[in-house]
């Protein structure tokens, strides 16, 4: 999550940036759950 977010920080608001962000965070959330 950190690695990807560090690289897409400038593009986080783009459609692709949002997809990457939400996808990688969802993985960690489901593992935590």
ModelCIF file with pLDDT and N, C-alpha, C, O atoms, coordinates in Angstrom:
data_MODEL
#
_entry.id   MODEL 
#
_entity.id                         1 
_entity.type                       polymer 
_entity.pdbx_number_of_molecules   1 
#
_entity_poly.entity_id                      1 
_entity_poly.type                           'polypeptide(L)' 
_entity_poly.nstd_linkage                   no 
_entity_poly.nstd_monomer                   no 
_entity_poly.pdbx_seq_one_letter_code       
;(UNK)(UNK)(UNK)(UNK)(UNK)(UNK)(UNK)(UNK)(UNK)(UNK)(UNK)(UNK)(UNK)(UNK)(UNK)(UNK)
(UNK)(UNK)(UNK)(UNK)(UNK)(UNK)(UNK)(UNK)(UNK)(UNK)(UNK)(UNK)(UNK)(UNK)(UNK)(UNK)
(UNK)
;
_entity_poly.pdbx_seq_one_letter_code_can   XXXXXXXXXXXXXXXXXXXXXXXXXXXXXXXXX 
_entity_poly.pdbx_strand_id                 A 
#
loop_
_entity_poly_seq.entity_id 
_entity_poly_seq.num 
_entity_poly_seq.mon_id 
_entity_poly_seq.hetero 
1 1  UNK n 
1 2  UNK n 
1 3  UNK n 
1 4  UNK n 
1 5  UNK n 
1 6  UNK n 
1 7  UNK n 
1 8  UNK n 
1 9  UNK n 
1 10 UNK n 
1 11 UNK n 
1 12 UNK n 
1 13 UNK n 
1 14 UNK n 
1 15 UNK n 
1 16 UNK n 
1 17 UNK n 
1 18 UNK n 
1 19 UNK n 
1 20 UNK n 
1 21 UNK n 
1 22 UNK n 
1 23 UNK n 
1 24 UNK n 
1 25 UNK n 
1 26 UNK n 
1 27 UNK n 
1 28 UNK n 
1 29 UNK n 
1 30 UNK n 
1 31 UNK n 
1 32 UNK n 
1 33 UNK n 
#
_struct_asym.id          A 
_struct_asym.entity_id   1 
#
loop_
_ma_qa_metric.id 
_ma_qa_metric.mode 
_ma_qa_metric.name 
_ma_qa_metric.software_group_id 
_ma_qa_metric.type 
1 global pLDDT . pLDDT 
2 local  pLDDT . pLDDT 
#
_ma_qa_metric_global.metric_id      1 
_ma_qa_metric_global.metric_value   83.27 
_ma_qa_metric_global.model_id       1 
_ma_qa_metric_global.ordinal_id     1 
#
loop_
_ma_qa_metric_local.label_asym_id 
_ma_qa_metric_local.label_comp_id 
_ma_qa_metric_local.label_seq_id 
_ma_qa_metric_local.metric_id 
_ma_qa_metric_local.metric_value 
_ma_qa_metric_local.model_id 
_ma_qa_metric_local.ordinal_id 
A UNK 1  2 87.00 1 1  
A UNK 2  2 89.00 1 2  
A UNK 3  2 88.00 1 3  
A UNK 4  2 86.00 1 4  
A UNK 5  2 82.00 1 5  
A UNK 6  2 83.00 1 6  
A UNK 7  2 79.00 1 7  
A UNK 8  2 78.00 1 8  
A UNK 9  2 71.00 1 9  
A UNK 10 2 74.00 1 10 
A UNK 11 2 75.00 1 11 
A UNK 12 2 69.00 1 12 
A UNK 13 2 73.00 1 13 
A UNK 14 2 79.00 1 14 
A UNK 15 2 82.00 1 15 
A UNK 16 2 82.00 1 16 
A UNK 17 2 81.00 1 17 
A UNK 18 2 85.00 1 18 
A UNK 19 2 85.00 1 19 
A UNK 20 2 84.00 1 20 
A UNK 21 2 85.00 1 21 
A UNK 22 2 88.00 1 22 
A UNK 23 2 88.00 1 23 
A UNK 24 2 86.00 1 24 
A UNK 25 2 89.00 1 25 
A UNK 26 2 90.00 1 26 
A UNK 27 2 89.00 1 27 
A UNK 28 2 88.00 1 28 
A UNK 29 2 89.00 1 29 
A UNK 30 2 87.00 1 30 
A UNK 31 2 86.00 1 31 
A UNK 32 2 86.00 1 32 
A UNK 33 2 85.00 1 33 
#
loop_
_atom_site.group_PDB 
_atom_site.id 
_atom_site.type_symbol 
_atom_site.label_atom_id 
_atom_site.label_alt_id 
_atom_site.label_comp_id 
_atom_site.label_asym_id 
_atom_site.label_entity_id 
_atom_site.label_seq_id 
_atom_site.pdbx_PDB_ins_code 
_atom_site.Cartn_x 
_atom_site.Cartn_y 
_atom_site.Cartn_z 
_atom_site.occupancy 
_atom_site.B_iso_or_equiv 
_atom_site.pdbx_formal_charge 
_atom_site.auth_seq_id 
_atom_site.auth_comp_id 
_atom_site.auth_asym_id 
_atom_site.auth_atom_id 
_atom_site.pdbx_PDB_model_num 
ATOM 1   N N  . UNK A 1 1  ? 0.850   -1.202  0.000   1.00 87.00 ? 1  UNK A N  1 
ATOM 2   C CA . UNK A 1 1  ? 0.000   0.000   0.000   1.00 87.00 ? 1  UNK A CA 1 
ATOM 3   C C  . UNK A 1 1  ? 0.879   1.244   0.000   1.00 87.00 ? 1  UNK A C  1 
ATOM 4   O O  . UNK A 1 1  ? 0.673   2.157   -0.799  1.00 87.00 ? 1  UNK A O  1 
ATOM 5   N N  . UNK A 1 2  ? 1.845   1.277   0.885   1.00 89.00 ? 2  UNK A N  1 
ATOM 6   C CA . UNK A 1 2  ? 2.735   2.438   1.002   1.00 89.00 ? 2  UNK A CA 1 
ATOM 7   C C  . UNK A 1 2  ? 3.538   2.634   -0.278  1.00 89.00 ? 2  UNK A C  1 
ATOM 8   O O  . UNK A 1 2  ? 3.657   3.752   -0.778  1.00 89.00 ? 2  UNK A O  1 
ATOM 9   N N  . UNK A 1 3  ? 4.088   1.544   -0.803  1.00 88.00 ? 3  UNK A N  1 
ATOM 10  C CA . UNK A 1 3  ? 4.897   1.647   -2.029  1.00 88.00 ? 3  UNK A CA 1 
ATOM 11  C C  . UNK A 1 3  ? 4.072   2.202   -3.185  1.00 88.00 ? 3  UNK A C  1 
ATOM 12  O O  . UNK A 1 3  ? 4.523   3.094   -3.904  1.00 88.00 ? 3  UNK A O  1 
ATOM 13  N N  . UNK A 1 4  ? 2.877   1.678   -3.360  1.00 86.00 ? 4  UNK A N  1 
ATOM 14  C CA . UNK A 1 4  ? 2.036   2.142   -4.471  1.00 86.00 ? 4  UNK A CA 1 
ATOM 15  C C  . UNK A 1 4  ? 1.599   3.584   -4.247  1.00 86.00 ? 4  UNK A C  1 
ATOM 16  O O  . UNK A 1 4  ? 1.655   4.401   -5.166  1.00 86.00 ? 4  UNK A O  1 
ATOM 17  N N  . UNK A 1 5  ? 1.170   3.895   -3.044  1.00 82.00 ? 5  UNK A N  1 
ATOM 18  C CA . UNK A 1 5  ? 0.720   5.265   -2.774  1.00 82.00 ? 5  UNK A CA 1 
ATOM 19  C C  . UNK A 1 5  ? 1.847   6.281   -2.928  1.00 82.00 ? 5  UNK A C  1 
ATOM 20  O O  . UNK A 1 5  ? 1.607   7.399   -3.383  1.00 82.00 ? 5  UNK A O  1 
ATOM 21  N N  . UNK A 1 6  ? 3.049   5.917   -2.565  1.00 83.00 ? 6  UNK A N  1 
ATOM 22  C CA . UNK A 1 6  ? 4.176   6.836   -2.733  1.00 83.00 ? 6  UNK A CA 1 
ATOM 23  C C  . UNK A 1 6  ? 4.415   7.167   -4.210  1.00 83.00 ? 6  UNK A C  1 
ATOM 24  O O  . UNK A 1 6  ? 4.892   8.254   -4.538  1.00 83.00 ? 6  UNK A O  1 
ATOM 25  N N  . UNK A 1 7  ? 4.084   6.233   -5.088  1.00 79.00 ? 7  UNK A N  1 
ATOM 26  C CA . UNK A 1 7  ? 4.329   6.455   -6.510  1.00 79.00 ? 7  UNK A CA 1 
ATOM 27  C C  . UNK A 1 7  ? 3.152   7.066   -7.253  1.00 79.00 ? 7  UNK A C  1 
ATOM 28  O O  . UNK A 1 7  ? 3.336   7.638   -8.328  1.00 79.00 ? 7  UNK A O  1 
ATOM 29  N N  . UNK A 1 8  ? 1.961   6.959   -6.712  1.00 78.00 ? 8  UNK A N  1 
ATOM 30  C CA . UNK A 1 8  ? 0.806   7.507   -7.432  1.00 78.00 ? 8  UNK A CA 1 
ATOM 31  C C  . UNK A 1 8  ? 0.236   8.741   -6.750  1.00 78.00 ? 8  UNK A C  1 
ATOM 32  O O  . UNK A 1 8  ? -0.847  9.205   -7.105  1.00 78.00 ? 8  UNK A O  1 
ATOM 33  N N  . UNK A 1 9  ? 0.959   9.273   -5.775  1.00 71.00 ? 9  UNK A N  1 
ATOM 34  C CA . UNK A 1 9  ? 0.441   10.392  -4.989  1.00 71.00 ? 9  UNK A CA 1 
ATOM 35  C C  . UNK A 1 9  ? -0.001  11.563  -5.864  1.00 71.00 ? 9  UNK A C  1 
ATOM 36  O O  . UNK A 1 9  ? -0.998  12.213  -5.552  1.00 71.00 ? 9  UNK A O  1 
ATOM 37  N N  . UNK A 1 10 ? 0.704   11.841  -6.931  1.00 74.00 ? 10 UNK A N  1 
ATOM 38  C CA . UNK A 1 10 ? 0.334   12.959  -7.809  1.00 74.00 ? 10 UNK A CA 1 
ATOM 39  C C  . UNK A 1 10 ? -0.866  12.618  -8.700  1.00 74.00 ? 10 UNK A C  1 
ATOM 40  O O  . UNK A 1 10 ? -1.535  13.510  -9.222  1.00 74.00 ? 10 UNK A O  1 
ATOM 41  N N  . UNK A 1 11 ? -1.128  11.321  -8.867  1.00 75.00 ? 11 UNK A N  1 
ATOM 42  C CA . UNK A 1 11 ? -2.217  10.887  -9.750  1.00 75.00 ? 11 UNK A CA 1 
ATOM 43  C C  . UNK A 1 11 ? -3.361  10.235  -8.984  1.00 75.00 ? 11 UNK A C  1 
ATOM 44  O O  . UNK A 1 11 ? -4.218  9.586   -9.584  1.00 75.00 ? 11 UNK A O  1 
ATOM 45  N N  . UNK A 1 12 ? -3.382  10.399  -7.673  1.00 69.00 ? 12 UNK A N  1 
ATOM 46  C CA . UNK A 1 12 ? -4.360  9.709   -6.831  1.00 69.00 ? 12 UNK A CA 1 
ATOM 47  C C  . UNK A 1 12 ? -5.796  10.089  -7.197  1.00 69.00 ? 12 UNK A C  1 
ATOM 48  O O  . UNK A 1 12 ? -6.713  9.291   -7.005  1.00 69.00 ? 12 UNK A O  1 
ATOM 49  N N  . UNK A 1 13 ? -5.995  11.284  -7.714  1.00 73.00 ? 13 UNK A N  1 
ATOM 50  C CA . UNK A 1 13 ? -7.353  11.734  -8.039  1.00 73.00 ? 13 UNK A CA 1 
ATOM 51  C C  . UNK A 1 13 ? -7.794  11.312  -9.446  1.00 73.00 ? 13 UNK A C  1 
ATOM 52  O O  . UNK A 1 13 ? -8.950  11.507  -9.820  1.00 73.00 ? 13 UNK A O  1 
ATOM 53  N N  . UNK A 1 14 ? -6.888  10.747  -10.205 1.00 79.00 ? 14 UNK A N  1 
ATOM 54  C CA . UNK A 1 14 ? -7.282  10.249  -11.525 1.00 79.00 ? 14 UNK A CA 1 
ATOM 55  C C  . UNK A 1 14 ? -8.058  8.945   -11.347 1.00 79.00 ? 14 UNK A C  1 
ATOM 56  O O  . UNK A 1 14 ? -7.974  8.304   -10.299 1.00 79.00 ? 14 UNK A O  1 
ATOM 57  N N  . UNK A 1 15 ? -8.801  8.562   -12.360 1.00 82.00 ? 15 UNK A N  1 
ATOM 58  C CA . UNK A 1 15 ? -9.582  7.329   -12.290 1.00 82.00 ? 15 UNK A CA 1 
ATOM 59  C C  . UNK A 1 15 ? -8.685  6.127   -11.999 1.00 82.00 ? 15 UNK A C  1 
ATOM 60  O O  . UNK A 1 15 ? -9.003  5.299   -11.146 1.00 82.00 ? 15 UNK A O  1 
ATOM 61  N N  . UNK A 1 16 ? -7.568  6.038   -12.710 1.00 82.00 ? 16 UNK A N  1 
ATOM 62  C CA . UNK A 1 16 ? -6.661  4.909   -12.517 1.00 82.00 ? 16 UNK A CA 1 
ATOM 63  C C  . UNK A 1 16 ? -6.003  4.977   -11.144 1.00 82.00 ? 16 UNK A C  1 
ATOM 64  O O  . UNK A 1 16 ? -5.824  3.946   -10.495 1.00 82.00 ? 16 UNK A O  1 
ATOM 65  N N  . UNK A 1 17 ? -5.646  6.156   -10.702 1.00 81.00 ? 17 UNK A N  1 
ATOM 66  C CA . UNK A 1 17 ? -5.060  6.302   -9.372  1.00 81.00 ? 17 UNK A CA 1 
ATOM 67  C C  . UNK A 1 17 ? -6.020  5.862   -8.286  1.00 81.00 ? 17 UNK A C  1 
ATOM 68  O O  . UNK A 1 17 ? -5.627  5.196   -7.327  1.00 81.00 ? 17 UNK A O  1 
ATOM 69  N N  . UNK A 1 18 ? -7.294  6.241   -8.441  1.00 85.00 ? 18 UNK A N  1 
ATOM 70  C CA . UNK A 1 18 ? -8.306  5.836   -7.462  1.00 85.00 ? 18 UNK A CA 1 
ATOM 71  C C  . UNK A 1 18 ? -8.503  4.332   -7.460  1.00 85.00 ? 18 UNK A C  1 
ATOM 72  O O  . UNK A 1 18 ? -8.664  3.724   -6.402  1.00 85.00 ? 18 UNK A O  1 
ATOM 73  N N  . UNK A 1 19 ? -8.492  3.730   -8.640  1.00 85.00 ? 19 UNK A N  1 
ATOM 74  C CA . UNK A 1 19 ? -8.659  2.266   -8.723  1.00 85.00 ? 19 UNK A CA 1 
ATOM 75  C C  . UNK A 1 19 ? -7.499  1.544   -8.044  1.00 85.00 ? 19 UNK A C  1 
ATOM 76  O O  . UNK A 1 19 ? -7.702  0.601   -7.279  1.00 85.00 ? 19 UNK A O  1 
ATOM 77  N N  . UNK A 1 20 ? -6.291  1.995   -8.331  1.00 84.00 ? 20 UNK A N  1 
ATOM 78  C CA . UNK A 1 20 ? -5.124  1.391   -7.681  1.00 84.00 ? 20 UNK A CA 1 
ATOM 79  C C  . UNK A 1 20 ? -5.207  1.553   -6.166  1.00 84.00 ? 20 UNK A C  1 
ATOM 80  O O  . UNK A 1 20 ? -4.993  0.602   -5.413  1.00 84.00 ? 20 UNK A O  1 
ATOM 81  N N  . UNK A 1 21 ? -5.516  2.749   -5.741  1.00 85.00 ? 21 UNK A N  1 
ATOM 82  C CA . UNK A 1 21 ? -5.571  3.056   -4.324  1.00 85.00 ? 21 UNK A CA 1 
ATOM 83  C C  . UNK A 1 21 ? -6.617  2.209   -3.605  1.00 85.00 ? 21 UNK A C  1 
ATOM 84  O O  . UNK A 1 21 ? -6.318  1.558   -2.604  1.00 85.00 ? 21 UNK A O  1 
ATOM 85  N N  . UNK A 1 22 ? -7.836  2.223   -4.119  1.00 88.00 ? 22 UNK A N  1 
ATOM 86  C CA . UNK A 1 22 ? -8.896  1.487   -3.428  1.00 88.00 ? 22 UNK A CA 1 
ATOM 87  C C  . UNK A 1 22 ? -8.654  -0.018  -3.480  1.00 88.00 ? 22 UNK A C  1 
ATOM 88  O O  . UNK A 1 22 ? -8.983  -0.728  -2.529  1.00 88.00 ? 22 UNK A O  1 
ATOM 89  N N  . UNK A 1 23 ? -8.090  -0.509  -4.562  1.00 88.00 ? 23 UNK A N  1 
ATOM 90  C CA . UNK A 1 23 ? -7.825  -1.939  -4.687  1.00 88.00 ? 23 UNK A CA 1 
ATOM 91  C C  . UNK A 1 23 ? -6.779  -2.412  -3.681  1.00 88.00 ? 23 UNK A C  1 
ATOM 92  O O  . UNK A 1 23 ? -6.984  -3.416  -2.998  1.00 88.00 ? 23 UNK A O  1 
ATOM 93  N N  . UNK A 1 24 ? -5.678  -1.704  -3.588  1.00 86.00 ? 24 UNK A N  1 
ATOM 94  C CA . UNK A 1 24 ? -4.606  -2.127  -2.688  1.00 86.00 ? 24 UNK A CA 1 
ATOM 95  C C  . UNK A 1 24 ? -5.030  -1.978  -1.217  1.00 86.00 ? 24 UNK A C  1 
ATOM 96  O O  . UNK A 1 24 ? -4.660  -2.799  -0.378  1.00 86.00 ? 24 UNK A O  1 
ATOM 97  N N  . UNK A 1 25 ? -5.798  -0.939  -0.914  1.00 89.00 ? 25 UNK A N  1 
ATOM 98  C CA . UNK A 1 25 ? -6.269  -0.759  0.464   1.00 89.00 ? 25 UNK A CA 1 
ATOM 99  C C  . UNK A 1 25 ? -7.284  -1.838  0.830   1.00 89.00 ? 25 UNK A C  1 
ATOM 100 O O  . UNK A 1 25 ? -7.279  -2.330  1.958   1.00 89.00 ? 25 UNK A O  1 
ATOM 101 N N  . UNK A 1 26 ? -8.155  -2.213  -0.107  1.00 90.00 ? 26 UNK A N  1 
ATOM 102 C CA . UNK A 1 26 ? -9.153  -3.253  0.161   1.00 90.00 ? 26 UNK A CA 1 
ATOM 103 C C  . UNK A 1 26 ? -8.491  -4.584  0.521   1.00 90.00 ? 26 UNK A C  1 
ATOM 104 O O  . UNK A 1 26 ? -8.992  -5.326  1.366   1.00 90.00 ? 26 UNK A O  1 
ATOM 105 N N  . UNK A 1 27 ? -7.377  -4.876  -0.117  1.00 89.00 ? 27 UNK A N  1 
ATOM 106 C CA . UNK A 1 27 ? -6.657  -6.119  0.188   1.00 89.00 ? 27 UNK A CA 1 
ATOM 107 C C  . UNK A 1 27 ? -6.223  -6.122  1.648   1.00 89.00 ? 27 UNK A C  1 
ATOM 108 O O  . UNK A 1 27 ? -6.482  -7.082  2.374   1.00 89.00 ? 27 UNK A O  1 
ATOM 109 N N  . UNK A 1 28 ? -5.572  -5.062  2.074   1.00 88.00 ? 28 UNK A N  1 
ATOM 110 C CA . UNK A 1 28 ? -5.115  -4.982  3.463   1.00 88.00 ? 28 UNK A CA 1 
ATOM 111 C C  . UNK A 1 28 ? -6.279  -5.014  4.444   1.00 88.00 ? 28 UNK A C  1 
ATOM 112 O O  . UNK A 1 28 ? -6.187  -5.632  5.504   1.00 88.00 ? 28 UNK A O  1 
ATOM 113 N N  . UNK A 1 29 ? -7.367  -4.350  4.092   1.00 89.00 ? 29 UNK A N  1 
ATOM 114 C CA . UNK A 1 29 ? -8.545  -4.342  4.972   1.00 89.00 ? 29 UNK A CA 1 
ATOM 115 C C  . UNK A 1 29 ? -9.136  -5.738  5.134   1.00 89.00 ? 29 UNK A C  1 
ATOM 116 O O  . UNK A 1 29 ? -9.490  -6.142  6.241   1.00 89.00 ? 29 UNK A O  1 
ATOM 117 N N  . UNK A 1 30 ? -9.242  -6.471  4.033   1.00 87.00 ? 30 UNK A N  1 
ATOM 118 C CA . UNK A 1 30 ? -9.799  -7.827  4.132   1.00 87.00 ? 30 UNK A CA 1 
ATOM 119 C C  . UNK A 1 30 ? -8.866  -8.769  4.884   1.00 87.00 ? 30 UNK A C  1 
ATOM 120 O O  . UNK A 1 30 ? -9.331  -9.658  5.599   1.00 87.00 ? 30 UNK A O  1 
ATOM 121 N N  . UNK A 1 31 ? -7.572  -8.588  4.733   1.00 86.00 ? 31 UNK A N  1 
ATOM 122 C CA . UNK A 1 31 ? -6.633  -9.412  5.500   1.00 86.00 ? 31 UNK A CA 1 
ATOM 123 C C  . UNK A 1 31 ? -6.733  -9.079  6.985   1.00 86.00 ? 31 UNK A C  1 
ATOM 124 O O  . UNK A 1 31 ? -6.682  -9.975  7.828   1.00 86.00 ? 31 UNK A O  1 
ATOM 125 N N  . UNK A 1 32 ? -6.876  -7.790  7.309   1.00 86.00 ? 32 UNK A N  1 
ATOM 126 C CA . UNK A 1 32 ? -7.039  -7.398  8.711   1.00 86.00 ? 32 UNK A CA 1 
ATOM 127 C C  . UNK A 1 32 ? -8.332  -7.975  9.275   1.00 86.00 ? 32 UNK A C  1 
ATOM 128 O O  . UNK A 1 32 ? -8.363  -8.446  10.412  1.00 86.00 ? 32 UNK A O  1 
ATOM 129 N N  . UNK A 1 33 ? -9.393  -7.937  8.482   1.00 85.00 ? 33 UNK A N  1 
ATOM 130 C CA . UNK A 1 33 ? -10.684 -8.485  8.915   1.00 85.00 ? 33 UNK A CA 1 
ATOM 131 C C  . UNK A 1 33 ? -10.567 -9.990  9.165   1.00 85.00 ? 33 UNK A C  1 
ATOM 132 O O  . UNK A 1 33 ? -11.550 -10.632 9.536   1.00 85.00 ? 33 UNK A O  1 
#
